[in-house]
Structures are given as C-alpha cells and as structure tokens.
C-alpha cells in the first residue's frame, strides 16, 4: 500500500500524488510498487532486499548519494505462539525523495501520522523525520511492554492454581518476545548514536534528548520485565515440580496402604494348610488383622507427613 504524506503547519496530511519533499510510505509492497521504487525512483535494489530481510539489524548506509536507515519497530503478531515481535522499517532518501518501506502493516506508522496532526508537528528535514520515527518506535515499545506485563500477570494468576505446563509455555513465549524487544532496542540505540555523530545535518537538541530518554526507558523496562520473568519462570517451575512430587508421594502412600490387606489376603487365600482353615471366624480374623495393620500404616504415614 502506497501513501503520500505532505508536510504543513498542521502535521502530516495525505496527498493524492507525490509532491516535492513529501513522504512516500509503503507497507506490504506489491510487485507494481517494487517496480515503482526500483525503476521510477531508482532506489538501489540492494537497499530494497535488505529491508525485506526480516532479521536485518538497525544500521545506516550510504550508496550513490542514497541514504538507507533501517530501524526495528514493534509489531503485534497474529500468531499466538509469538504475540509480539519486531520488524525492520527501512527509510531511503536522497535530495527531495523520502521513502519508508515496511513489509508489514503496523500500528505505529498510522499512529505517528495521527500524532503529528494532533500535535501540529512539522518535519524540518529528512533526518528530523527519521528521529521522530525512532522516537515513535520507542513509545510503542513501551506500550507493548505494558501489554506483555499484563499477560505475565494473567499467566501468574493461572500458575498459582495449576500444575500444568501451559502457563509456563505462555511465559516462555512472552520471554521470547522480550528478547526480541531488548535486541531491537539495543540496535536502535546504536543507530541513534551513529545518527547523532553525523555532522551533515543540524539536529533539534530537544528532539535528540527526547529520543535518548525514550530509548533508555524502553531498554531499561524491557530488561526489568525480562529479569522478573526469568526469575518467575524458575520459581514456578520449582513450584510445579514440588506440587507434582507431593501428588506422587500421596499416591505412593495410598498404594502401600492398599498393599497391606492385599498381601495378607493373598497369604491366607492359598490352597495350603494354615492355622485358620478350620476356624469359622477365620475371615473376620483376617479382616481385622488387615484393618489394624492398614490403620497403623496410615498413622505412621500421617506422622511422617506423607499425607
């Protein structure tokens, strides 16, 4: 999907066609949009291929006057096995051409446009827009981290009532999401430091400070949640294992208690002479002996806290 945005005093607004110094936003590019980028705008094909790679790391590159800046942005996945992940957002610009390419449709880009309209944000230059996108990605990392934390609390409540592995698997999936977040935020932070060191553009120092603060906060929060989740998983794994041991101990105790009358009945049930074969009360004697020994065994196990 291709969208043109032009910059004015009320923020970014949609334009029906390309204008000078406008932003071309492309999400889920089709083959025709690929040809438009490579043939009409003449963007280096290597840049396009790098952005398409889902595992591409944040970086900045220059080729024939074209700038390529790749940053990682958070993405809410429809796959329940990995509810949150990160995807590359590629920014390519040269002179008055500015293009952003993402092979996924994300909430962040749409929200960023609405934010510029609500706050009447104006874009000064290409690097200014890149820094604002980097700031928006950090904000969305924090938003998704709050949702991850809510899911952790829900799984924690379920773990307190269960000895099954489903809740632990849920925590494992969330821990994987946090690993993606931490890695991507670190990469964005390295990219941000490289952009700051450029001397070809004059940056807004307030914007630089805002991006730095949000990146550090996102990095710290994701690490805190990851550490808490790791400790929680270790603790609850031990709790589940202990609960299972308690159940097995009780079942073993019950089996031993039931074995006592079984052994006695087996001994007196064999077709060999014994002291009770002619006794009319032999059955009750065997029953009483079995009951006494069984009750004694129950009391002993109770004393040893096996029940």
C-alpha atoms as a PDB file:
ATOM      1  CA  UNK A   1       0.000   0.000   0.000  1.00  0.00           C
ATOM      2  CA  UNK A   2       1.467   3.331  -1.101  1.00  0.00           C
ATOM      3  CA  UNK A   3       0.556   6.583   0.660  1.00  0.00           C
ATOM      4  CA  UNK A   4       1.845  10.090   0.073  1.00  0.00           C
ATOM      5  CA  UNK A   5       2.132  12.492   3.004  1.00  0.00           C
ATOM      6  CA  UNK A   6       2.931  16.158   2.661  1.00  0.00           C
ATOM      7  CA  UNK A   7       4.131  18.324   5.496  1.00  0.00           C
ATOM      8  CA  UNK A   8       2.325  21.508   6.538  1.00  0.00           C
ATOM      9  CA  UNK A   9       1.672  23.527   9.678  1.00  0.00           C
ATOM     10  CA  UNK A  10      -0.974  21.050  10.908  1.00  0.00           C
ATOM     11  CA  UNK A  11       1.195  17.943  10.642  1.00  0.00           C
ATOM     12  CA  UNK A  12       1.389  15.233   8.016  1.00  0.00           C
ATOM     13  CA  UNK A  13      -1.630  15.064   5.696  1.00  0.00           C
ATOM     14  CA  UNK A  14      -2.429  12.587   2.948  1.00  0.00           C
ATOM     15  CA  UNK A  15      -1.803  13.701  -0.602  1.00  0.00           C
ATOM     16  CA  UNK A  16      -3.192  12.054  -3.730  1.00  0.00           C
ATOM     17  CA  UNK A  17       0.088  12.359  -5.606  1.00  0.00           C
ATOM     18  CA  UNK A  18       3.738  12.894  -4.932  1.00  0.00           C
ATOM     19  CA  UNK A  19       4.908  16.398  -4.239  1.00  0.00           C
ATOM     20  CA  UNK A  20       8.378  17.715  -3.652  1.00  0.00           C
ATOM     21  CA  UNK A  21       9.751  16.902  -0.170  1.00  0.00           C
ATOM     22  CA  UNK A  22       6.771  14.682   0.636  1.00  0.00           C
ATOM     23  CA  UNK A  23       6.957  11.363   2.441  1.00  0.00           C
ATOM     24  CA  UNK A  24       6.188   8.191   0.485  1.00  0.00           C
ATOM     25  CA  UNK A  25       5.051   5.472   2.893  1.00  0.00           C
ATOM     26  CA  UNK A  26       4.862   1.932   1.513  1.00  0.00           C
ATOM     27  CA  UNK A  27       3.556  -1.007   3.547  1.00  0.00           C
ATOM     28  CA  UNK A  28       3.269  -4.571   2.250  1.00  0.00           C
ATOM     29  CA  UNK A  29       4.674  -3.555  -1.135  1.00  0.00           C
ATOM     30  CA  UNK A  30       3.236  -5.259  -4.205  1.00  0.00           C
ATOM     31  CA  UNK A  31       5.168  -6.096  -7.352  1.00  0.00           C
ATOM     32  CA  UNK A  32       3.998  -2.870  -9.025  1.00  0.00           C
ATOM     33  CA  UNK A  33       5.182  -0.853  -6.029  1.00  0.00           C
ATOM     34  CA  UNK A  34       8.500  -2.671  -6.154  1.00  0.00           C
ATOM     35  CA  UNK A  35       8.912  -1.664  -9.775  1.00  0.00           C
ATOM     36  CA  UNK A  36       7.931   1.900  -8.863  1.00  0.00           C
ATOM     37  CA  UNK A  37      10.680   2.039  -6.248  1.00  0.00           C
ATOM     38  CA  UNK A  38      13.398   0.404  -8.326  1.00  0.00           C
ATOM     39  CA  UNK A  39      12.611   1.745 -11.791  1.00  0.00           C
ATOM     40  CA  UNK A  40      10.901   5.089 -11.316  1.00  0.00           C
ATOM     41  CA  UNK A  41      12.583   6.305  -8.126  1.00  0.00           C
ATOM     42  CA  UNK A  42      15.719   4.268  -8.908  1.00  0.00           C
ATOM     43  CA  UNK A  43      16.307   3.166  -5.339  1.00  0.00           C
ATOM     44  CA  UNK A  44      19.237   0.718  -5.122  1.00  0.00           C
ATOM     45  CA  UNK A  45      17.908  -2.821  -5.320  1.00  0.00           C
ATOM     46  CA  UNK A  46      20.270  -3.927  -2.548  1.00  0.00           C
ATOM     47  CA  UNK A  47      18.524  -1.477  -0.201  1.00  0.00           C
ATOM     48  CA  UNK A  48      15.127  -2.961  -1.040  1.00  0.00           C
ATOM     49  CA  UNK A  49      16.389  -6.517  -0.486  1.00  0.00           C
ATOM     50  CA  UNK A  50      17.940  -5.602   2.857  1.00  0.00           C
ATOM     51  CA  UNK A  51      14.680  -4.108   4.116  1.00  0.00           C
ATOM     52  CA  UNK A  52      12.816  -7.252   3.017  1.00  0.00           C
ATOM     53  CA  UNK A  53      15.012  -9.395   5.276  1.00  0.00           C
ATOM     54  CA  UNK A  54      13.042  -9.915   8.496  1.00  0.00           C
ATOM     55  CA  UNK A  55      16.260 -10.371  10.501  1.00  0.00           C
ATOM     56  CA  UNK A  56      18.002  -7.229   9.236  1.00  0.00           C
ATOM     57  CA  UNK A  57      19.647  -5.268  12.034  1.00  0.00           C
ATOM     58  CA  UNK A  58      19.434  -1.460  12.529  1.00  0.00           C
ATOM     59  CA  UNK A  59      22.093   0.407  10.616  1.00  0.00           C
ATOM     60  CA  UNK A  60      22.821   3.377   8.353  1.00  0.00           C
ATOM     61  CA  UNK A  61      24.380   3.080   4.896  1.00  0.00           C
ATOM     62  CA  UNK A  62      25.133   5.429   2.016  1.00  0.00           C
ATOM     63  CA  UNK A  63      25.342   4.433  -1.652  1.00  0.00           C
ATOM     64  CA  UNK A  64      25.497   6.781  -4.645  1.00  0.00           C
ATOM     65  CA  UNK A  65      24.025   9.632  -2.623  1.00  0.00           C
ATOM     66  CA  UNK A  66      21.166   7.451  -1.299  1.00  0.00           C
ATOM     67  CA  UNK A  67      20.819   7.055   2.456  1.00  0.00           C
ATOM     68  CA  UNK A  68      19.499   3.799   3.887  1.00  0.00           C
ATOM     69  CA  UNK A  69      18.465   3.768   7.537  1.00  0.00           C
ATOM     70  CA  UNK A  70      16.972   0.581   8.966  1.00  0.00           C
ATOM     71  CA  UNK A  71      15.374   0.609  12.401  1.00  0.00           C
ATOM     72  CA  UNK A  72      13.437  -2.062  14.231  1.00  0.00           C
ATOM     73  CA  UNK A  73       9.862  -1.284  15.224  1.00  0.00           C
ATOM     74  CA  UNK A  74       7.492  -3.318  17.437  1.00  0.00           C
ATOM     75  CA  UNK A  75       4.821  -5.432  15.773  1.00  0.00           C
ATOM     76  CA  UNK A  76       1.775  -7.118  17.303  1.00  0.00           C
ATOM     77  CA  UNK A  77       1.625 -10.532  15.708  1.00  0.00           C
ATOM     78  CA  UNK A  78      -1.469 -12.597  14.949  1.00  0.00           C
ATOM     79  CA  UNK A  79       0.486 -15.757  15.792  1.00  0.00           C
ATOM     80  CA  UNK A  80      -0.372 -16.811  19.349  1.00  0.00           C
ATOM     81  CA  UNK A  81       2.987 -18.564  19.665  1.00  0.00           C
ATOM     82  CA  UNK A  82       4.743 -15.199  19.301  1.00  0.00           C
ATOM     83  CA  UNK A  83       2.272 -12.412  20.174  1.00  0.00           C
ATOM     84  CA  UNK A  84       4.839  -9.603  19.933  1.00  0.00           C
ATOM     85  CA  UNK A  85       7.906  -9.270  17.757  1.00  0.00           C
ATOM     86  CA  UNK A  86       9.854  -6.646  15.838  1.00  0.00           C
ATOM     87  CA  UNK A  87      10.137  -5.951  12.117  1.00  0.00           C
ATOM     88  CA  UNK A  88      12.513  -3.783  10.069  1.00  0.00           C
ATOM     89  CA  UNK A  89      11.407  -0.355   8.871  1.00  0.00           C
ATOM     90  CA  UNK A  90      13.599   0.920   6.073  1.00  0.00           C
ATOM     91  CA  UNK A  91      13.984   4.613   5.331  1.00  0.00           C
ATOM     92  CA  UNK A  92      15.554   5.562   1.994  1.00  0.00           C
ATOM     93  CA  UNK A  93      16.088   9.169   0.969  1.00  0.00           C
ATOM     94  CA  UNK A  94      18.029  11.342  -1.414  1.00  0.00           C
ATOM     95  CA  UNK A  95      17.567  15.055  -2.078  1.00  0.00           C
ATOM     96  CA  UNK A  96      13.783  15.635  -2.143  1.00  0.00           C
ATOM     97  CA  UNK A  97      12.807  11.931  -2.211  1.00  0.00           C
ATOM     98  CA  UNK A  98      11.958  10.293   1.115  1.00  0.00           C
ATOM     99  CA  UNK A  99      10.565   6.750   1.195  1.00  0.00           C
ATOM    100  CA  UNK A 100       9.753   4.445   4.100  1.00  0.00           C
ATOM    101  CA  UNK A 101       9.330   0.744   3.351  1.00  0.00           C
ATOM    102  CA  UNK A 102       7.890  -1.856   5.696  1.00  0.00           C
ATOM    103  CA  UNK A 103       6.782  -5.326   4.662  1.00  0.00           C
ATOM    104  CA  UNK A 104       4.250  -5.424   7.490  1.00  0.00           C
ATOM    105  CA  UNK A 105       1.299  -3.211   8.342  1.00  0.00           C
ATOM    106  CA  UNK A 106       1.957  -1.839  11.808  1.00  0.00           C
ATOM    107  CA  UNK A 107       0.021   0.306  14.247  1.00  0.00           C
ATOM    108  CA  UNK A 108       2.990   2.583  14.817  1.00  0.00           C
ATOM    109  CA  UNK A 109       3.086   4.283  11.406  1.00  0.00           C
ATOM    110  CA  UNK A 110      -0.640   5.075  11.391  1.00  0.00           C
ATOM    111  CA  UNK A 111      -0.461   6.403  14.935  1.00  0.00           C
ATOM    112  CA  UNK A 112       2.579   8.510  14.060  1.00  0.00           C
ATOM    113  CA  UNK A 113       0.654  10.314  11.315  1.00  0.00           C
ATOM    114  CA  UNK A 114      -2.301  10.962  13.642  1.00  0.00           C
ATOM    115  CA  UNK A 115       0.080  12.176  16.331  1.00  0.00           C
ATOM    116  CA  UNK A 116       1.623  14.789  14.014  1.00  0.00           C
ATOM    117  CA  UNK A 117      -1.898  16.007  13.200  1.00  0.00           C
ATOM    118  CA  UNK A 118      -2.981  16.173  16.851  1.00  0.00           C
ATOM    119  CA  UNK A 119       0.165  17.976  17.992  1.00  0.00           C
ATOM    120  CA  UNK A 120       0.675  20.026  14.791  1.00  0.00           C
ATOM    121  CA  UNK A 121       4.149  18.561  14.393  1.00  0.00           C
ATOM    122  CA  UNK A 122       6.139  19.816  11.429  1.00  0.00           C
ATOM    123  CA  UNK A 123       9.003  17.982   9.738  1.00  0.00           C
ATOM    124  CA  UNK A 124      12.124  20.067   9.195  1.00  0.00           C
ATOM    125  CA  UNK A 125      14.221  17.678   7.094  1.00  0.00           C
ATOM    126  CA  UNK A 126      14.828  14.008   6.334  1.00  0.00           C
ATOM    127  CA  UNK A 127      16.857  13.280   9.451  1.00  0.00           C
ATOM    128  CA  UNK A 128      14.275  15.078  11.561  1.00  0.00           C
ATOM    129  CA  UNK A 129      11.626  12.663  10.286  1.00  0.00           C
ATOM    130  CA  UNK A 130      13.915   9.688  10.948  1.00  0.00           C
ATOM    131  CA  UNK A 131      14.455  10.807  14.546  1.00  0.00           C
ATOM    132  CA  UNK A 132      10.723  11.305  15.053  1.00  0.00           C
ATOM    133  CA  UNK A 133      10.073   7.790  13.719  1.00  0.00           C
ATOM    134  CA  UNK A 134      12.737   6.481  16.090  1.00  0.00           C
ATOM    135  CA  UNK A 135      11.029   8.313  18.954  1.00  0.00           C
ATOM    136  CA  UNK A 136       7.644   6.873  17.975  1.00  0.00           C
ATOM    137  CA  UNK A 137       9.071   3.346  17.844  1.00  0.00           C
ATOM    138  CA  UNK A 138      10.412   3.747  21.408  1.00  0.00           C
ATOM    139  CA  UNK A 139       6.993   4.899  22.611  1.00  0.00           C
ATOM    140  CA  UNK A 140       5.338   1.897  21.001  1.00  0.00           C
ATOM    141  CA  UNK A 141       7.886  -0.433  22.542  1.00  0.00           C
ATOM    142  CA  UNK A 142       6.769   0.894  25.937  1.00  0.00           C
ATOM    143  CA  UNK A 143       3.091   0.429  25.019  1.00  0.00           C
ATOM    144  CA  UNK A 144       3.609  -3.185  24.028  1.00  0.00           C
ATOM    145  CA  UNK A 145       5.756  -3.805  27.110  1.00  0.00           C
ATOM    146  CA  UNK A 146       2.759  -2.842  29.250  1.00  0.00           C
ATOM    147  CA  UNK A 147       0.632  -5.373  27.369  1.00  0.00           C
ATOM    148  CA  UNK A 148       3.320  -8.017  27.866  1.00  0.00           C
ATOM    149  CA  UNK A 149       3.327  -7.234  31.594  1.00  0.00           C
ATOM    150  CA  UNK A 150      -0.460  -7.682  31.762  1.00  0.00           C
ATOM    151  CA  UNK A 151      -0.158 -11.094  30.109  1.00  0.00           C
ATOM    152  CA  UNK A 152       2.576 -12.045  32.559  1.00  0.00           C
ATOM    153  CA  UNK A 153       0.296 -11.196  35.496  1.00  0.00           C
ATOM    154  CA  UNK A 154      -2.552 -13.238  33.987  1.00  0.00           C
ATOM    155  CA  UNK A 155      -0.286 -16.247  33.486  1.00  0.00           C
ATOM    156  CA  UNK A 156       1.000 -15.813  37.048  1.00  0.00           C
ATOM    157  CA  UNK A 157      -2.539 -15.973  38.438  1.00  0.00           C
ATOM    158  CA  UNK A 158      -3.213 -19.148  36.459  1.00  0.00           C
ATOM    159  CA  UNK A 159       0.045 -20.733  37.617  1.00  0.00           C
ATOM    160  CA  UNK A 160      -0.976 -20.405  41.267  1.00  0.00           C
ATOM    161  CA  UNK A 161      -3.912 -22.753  40.603  1.00  0.00           C
ATOM    162  CA  UNK A 162      -2.315 -25.205  38.210  1.00  0.00           C
ATOM    163  CA  UNK A 163       0.415 -27.829  37.927  1.00  0.00           C
ATOM    164  CA  UNK A 164       0.222 -27.954  34.133  1.00  0.00           C
ATOM    165  CA  UNK A 165       2.803 -26.692  31.670  1.00  0.00           C
ATOM    166  CA  UNK A 166       0.536 -24.451  29.542  1.00  0.00           C
ATOM    167  CA  UNK A 167       1.076 -21.377  31.697  1.00  0.00           C
ATOM    168  CA  UNK A 168       4.845 -21.922  31.739  1.00  0.00           C
ATOM    169  CA  UNK A 169       4.769 -22.168  27.949  1.00  0.00           C
ATOM    170  CA  UNK A 170       2.886 -18.854  27.874  1.00  0.00           C
ATOM    171  CA  UNK A 171       5.618 -17.261  29.973  1.00  0.00           C
ATOM    172  CA  UNK A 172       8.244 -18.794  27.693  1.00  0.00           C
ATOM    173  CA  UNK A 173       6.605 -17.190  24.650  1.00  0.00           C
ATOM    174  CA  UNK A 174       6.481 -13.832  26.408  1.00  0.00           C
ATOM    175  CA  UNK A 175      10.135 -14.176  27.360  1.00  0.00           C
ATOM    176  CA  UNK A 176      10.935 -14.733  23.692  1.00  0.00           C
ATOM    177  CA  UNK A 177       9.060 -11.519  22.855  1.00  0.00           C
ATOM    178  CA  UNK A 178      11.128  -9.624  25.413  1.00  0.00           C
ATOM    179  CA  UNK A 179      14.343 -10.996  23.908  1.00  0.00           C
ATOM    180  CA  UNK A 180      13.305  -9.606  20.520  1.00  0.00           C
ATOM    181  CA  UNK A 181      12.441  -6.278  22.129  1.00  0.00           C
ATOM    182  CA  UNK A 182      15.737  -5.983  24.018  1.00  0.00           C
ATOM    183  CA  UNK A 183      17.811  -6.874  20.946  1.00  0.00           C
ATOM    184  CA  UNK A 184      15.930  -4.442  18.704  1.00  0.00           C
ATOM    185  CA  UNK A 185      16.042  -1.565  21.183  1.00  0.00           C
ATOM    186  CA  UNK A 186      19.780  -2.031  21.607  1.00  0.00           C
ATOM    187  CA  UNK A 187      20.192  -1.947  17.837  1.00  0.00           C
ATOM    188  CA  UNK A 188      18.070   1.214  17.595  1.00  0.00           C
ATOM    189  CA  UNK A 189      20.185   2.806  20.308  1.00  0.00           C
ATOM    190  CA  UNK A 190      23.384   2.073  18.375  1.00  0.00           C
ATOM    191  CA  UNK A 191      21.766   3.518  15.241  1.00  0.00           C
ATOM    192  CA  UNK A 192      20.727   6.616  17.187  1.00  0.00           C
ATOM    193  CA  UNK A 193      24.292   7.181  18.384  1.00  0.00           C
ATOM    194  CA  UNK A 194      25.575   6.934  14.815  1.00  0.00           C
ATOM    195  CA  UNK A 195      22.990   9.451  13.597  1.00  0.00           C
ATOM    196  CA  UNK A 196      23.958  11.832  16.403  1.00  0.00           C
ATOM    197  CA  UNK A 197      27.578  11.687  15.283  1.00  0.00           C
ATOM    198  CA  UNK A 198      26.720  12.851  11.768  1.00  0.00           C
ATOM    199  CA  UNK A 199      27.738  16.403  11.076  1.00  0.00           C
ATOM    200  CA  UNK A 200      25.906  16.855   7.750  1.00  0.00           C
ATOM    201  CA  UNK A 201      22.641  17.928   9.407  1.00  0.00           C
ATOM    202  CA  UNK A 202      21.666  20.261  12.214  1.00  0.00           C
ATOM    203  CA  UNK A 203      19.563  18.356  14.712  1.00  0.00           C
ATOM    204  CA  UNK A 204      16.945  19.647  17.111  1.00  0.00           C
ATOM    205  CA  UNK A 205      18.583  19.132  20.514  1.00  0.00           C
ATOM    206  CA  UNK A 206      15.223  18.814  22.275  1.00  0.00           C
ATOM    207  CA  UNK A 207      14.275  16.020  19.880  1.00  0.00           C
ATOM    208  CA  UNK A 208      17.667  14.354  20.401  1.00  0.00           C
ATOM    209  CA  UNK A 209      17.092  14.439  24.153  1.00  0.00           C
ATOM    210  CA  UNK A 210      13.560  13.037  23.850  1.00  0.00           C
ATOM    211  CA  UNK A 211      14.722  10.142  21.664  1.00  0.00           C
ATOM    212  CA  UNK A 212      17.591   9.385  24.039  1.00  0.00           C
ATOM    213  CA  UNK A 213      15.280   9.342  27.072  1.00  0.00           C
ATOM    214  CA  UNK A 214      12.632   7.144  25.448  1.00  0.00           C
ATOM    215  CA  UNK A 215      15.203   4.684  24.107  1.00  0.00           C
ATOM    216  CA  UNK A 216      16.853   4.315  27.506  1.00  0.00           C
ATOM    217  CA  UNK A 217      13.488   3.928  29.238  1.00  0.00           C
ATOM    218  CA  UNK A 218      12.361   1.263  26.765  1.00  0.00           C
ATOM    219  CA  UNK A 219      15.664  -0.555  27.160  1.00  0.00           C
ATOM    220  CA  UNK A 220      15.526  -0.480  30.957  1.00  0.00           C
ATOM    221  CA  UNK A 221      11.859  -1.513  31.146  1.00  0.00           C
ATOM    222  CA  UNK A 222      12.320  -4.441  28.768  1.00  0.00           C
ATOM    223  CA  UNK A 223      15.342  -5.642  30.755  1.00  0.00           C
ATOM    224  CA  UNK A 224      13.440  -5.334  34.051  1.00  0.00           C
ATOM    225  CA  UNK A 225      10.488  -7.307  32.708  1.00  0.00           C
ATOM    226  CA  UNK A 226      12.842  -9.916  31.258  1.00  0.00           C
ATOM    227  CA  UNK A 227      14.667 -10.356  34.580  1.00  0.00           C
ATOM    228  CA  UNK A 228      11.391 -10.593  36.503  1.00  0.00           C
ATOM    229  CA  UNK A 229      10.009 -13.106  34.026  1.00  0.00           C
ATOM    230  CA  UNK A 230      13.149 -15.272  34.145  1.00  0.00           C
ATOM    231  CA  UNK A 231      13.053 -15.388  37.932  1.00  0.00           C
ATOM    232  CA  UNK A 232       9.328 -16.092  37.913  1.00  0.00           C
ATOM    233  CA  UNK A 233       9.704 -18.966  35.456  1.00  0.00           C
ATOM    234  CA  UNK A 234      12.441 -20.562  37.571  1.00  0.00           C
ATOM    235  CA  UNK A 235      10.364 -20.175  40.731  1.00  0.00           C
ATOM    236  CA  UNK A 236       7.158 -21.557  39.254  1.00  0.00           C
ATOM    237  CA  UNK A 237       8.991 -24.409  37.555  1.00  0.00           C
ATOM    238  CA  UNK A 238      10.199 -25.426  41.010  1.00  0.00           C
ATOM    239  CA  UNK A 239       6.680 -24.976  42.448  1.00  0.00           C
ATOM    240  CA  UNK A 240       5.124 -27.158  39.739  1.00  0.00           C
ATOM    241  CA  UNK A 241       7.804 -29.801  40.256  1.00  0.00           C
ATOM    242  CA  UNK A 242       7.231 -29.704  44.020  1.00  0.00           C
ATOM    243  CA  UNK A 243       3.437 -29.987  43.586  1.00  0.00           C
ATOM    244  CA  UNK A 244       3.947 -32.991  41.358  1.00  0.00           C
ATOM    245  CA  UNK A 245       6.243 -34.586  43.939  1.00  0.00           C
ATOM    246  CA  UNK A 246       3.583 -34.102  46.626  1.00  0.00           C
ATOM    247  CA  UNK A 247       0.966 -35.783  44.442  1.00  0.00           C
ATOM    248  CA  UNK A 248       3.285 -38.703  43.656  1.00  0.00           C
ATOM    249  CA  UNK A 249       4.144 -39.083  47.353  1.00  0.00           C
ATOM    250  CA  UNK A 250       0.471 -39.293  48.282  1.00  0.00           C
ATOM    251  CA  UNK A 251      -0.273 -41.805  45.543  1.00  0.00           C
ATOM    252  CA  UNK A 252       2.682 -43.940  46.662  1.00  0.00           C
ATOM    253  CA  UNK A 253       1.488 -43.835  50.267  1.00  0.00           C
ATOM    254  CA  UNK A 254      -2.023 -44.893  49.257  1.00  0.00           C
ATOM    255  CA  UNK A 255      -0.591 -47.743  47.172  1.00  0.00           C
ATOM    256  CA  UNK A 256       1.445 -49.016  50.122  1.00  0.00           C
ATOM    257  CA  UNK A 257      -1.567 -48.881  52.475  1.00  0.00           C
ATOM    258  CA  UNK A 258      -3.706 -50.810  49.988  1.00  0.00           C
ATOM    259  CA  UNK A 259      -0.913 -53.354  49.535  1.00  0.00           C
ATOM    260  CA  UNK A 260      -1.099 -54.452  53.213  1.00  0.00           C
ATOM    261  CA  UNK A 261      -4.551 -56.130  53.095  1.00  0.00           C
ATOM    262  CA  UNK A 262      -3.734 -57.456  49.630  1.00  0.00           C
ATOM    263  CA  UNK A 263      -0.639 -59.300  50.909  1.00  0.00           C
ATOM    264  CA  UNK A 264      -2.493 -60.712  53.940  1.00  0.00           C
ATOM    265  CA  UNK A 265      -5.459 -61.881  51.823  1.00  0.00           C
ATOM    266  CA  UNK A 266      -3.047 -63.483  49.346  1.00  0.00           C
ATOM    267  CA  UNK A 267      -1.247 -65.445  52.076  1.00  0.00           C
ATOM    268  CA  UNK A 268      -4.443 -66.827  53.634  1.00  0.00           C
ATOM    269  CA  UNK A 269      -6.075 -67.401  50.267  1.00  0.00           C
ATOM    270  CA  UNK A 270      -3.569 -70.025  49.087  1.00  0.00           C
ATOM    271  CA  UNK A 271      -4.611 -73.704  48.960  1.00  0.00           C
ATOM    272  CA  UNK A 272      -2.211 -74.809  51.713  1.00  0.00           C
ATOM    273  CA  UNK A 273      -2.871 -75.598  55.360  1.00  0.00           C
ATOM    274  CA  UNK A 274      -2.789 -72.650  57.748  1.00  0.00           C
ATOM    275  CA  UNK A 275      -3.924 -72.042  61.305  1.00  0.00           C
ATOM    276  CA  UNK A 276      -7.306 -70.630  60.262  1.00  0.00           C
ATOM    277  CA  UNK A 277      -8.530 -73.111  57.631  1.00  0.00           C
ATOM    278  CA  UNK A 278     -10.924 -74.795  60.111  1.00  0.00           C
ATOM    279  CA  UNK A 279     -11.774 -71.688  62.143  1.00  0.00           C
ATOM    280  CA  UNK A 280     -15.351 -70.437  61.473  1.00  0.00           C
ATOM    281  CA  UNK A 281     -14.226 -66.897  62.299  1.00  0.00           C
ATOM    282  CA  UNK A 282     -11.119 -67.019  60.125  1.00  0.00           C
ATOM    283  CA  UNK A 283     -12.465 -64.493  57.614  1.00  0.00           C
ATOM    284  CA  UNK A 284     -13.128 -61.888  60.291  1.00  0.00           C
ATOM    285  CA  UNK A 285      -9.757 -62.513  61.891  1.00  0.00           C
ATOM    286  CA  UNK A 286      -8.027 -61.832  58.566  1.00  0.00           C
ATOM    287  CA  UNK A 287     -10.166 -58.732  58.015  1.00  0.00           C
ATOM    288  CA  UNK A 288      -9.401 -57.388  61.484  1.00  0.00           C
ATOM    289  CA  UNK A 289      -5.661 -58.033  61.109  1.00  0.00           C
ATOM    290  CA  UNK A 290      -5.668 -56.298  57.723  1.00  0.00           C
ATOM    291  CA  UNK A 291      -7.625 -53.336  59.095  1.00  0.00           C
ATOM    292  CA  UNK A 292      -5.333 -52.939  62.134  1.00  0.00           C
ATOM    293  CA  UNK A 293      -2.166 -53.068  60.040  1.00  0.00           C
ATOM    294  CA  UNK A 294      -3.634 -50.678  57.482  1.00  0.00           C
ATOM    295  CA  UNK A 295      -4.707 -48.183  60.158  1.00  0.00           C
ATOM    296  CA  UNK A 296      -1.251 -48.462  61.752  1.00  0.00           C
ATOM    297  CA  UNK A 297       0.328 -47.727  58.384  1.00  0.00           C
ATOM    298  CA  UNK A 298      -1.942 -44.708  57.874  1.00  0.00           C
ATOM    299  CA  UNK A 299      -0.994 -43.328  61.317  1.00  0.00           C
ATOM    300  CA  UNK A 300       2.704 -43.831  60.612  1.00  0.00           C
ATOM    301  CA  UNK A 301       2.484 -42.067  57.231  1.00  0.00           C
ATOM    302  CA  UNK A 302       0.439 -39.289  58.840  1.00  0.00           C
ATOM    303  CA  UNK A 303       3.136 -38.837  61.462  1.00  0.00           C
ATOM    304  CA  UNK A 304       5.781 -38.580  58.732  1.00  0.00           C
ATOM    305  CA  UNK A 305       3.645 -36.002  56.864  1.00  0.00           C
ATOM    306  CA  UNK A 306       3.191 -38.254  53.831  1.00  0.00           C
ATOM    307  CA  UNK A 307      -0.444 -37.138  53.563  1.00  0.00           C
END
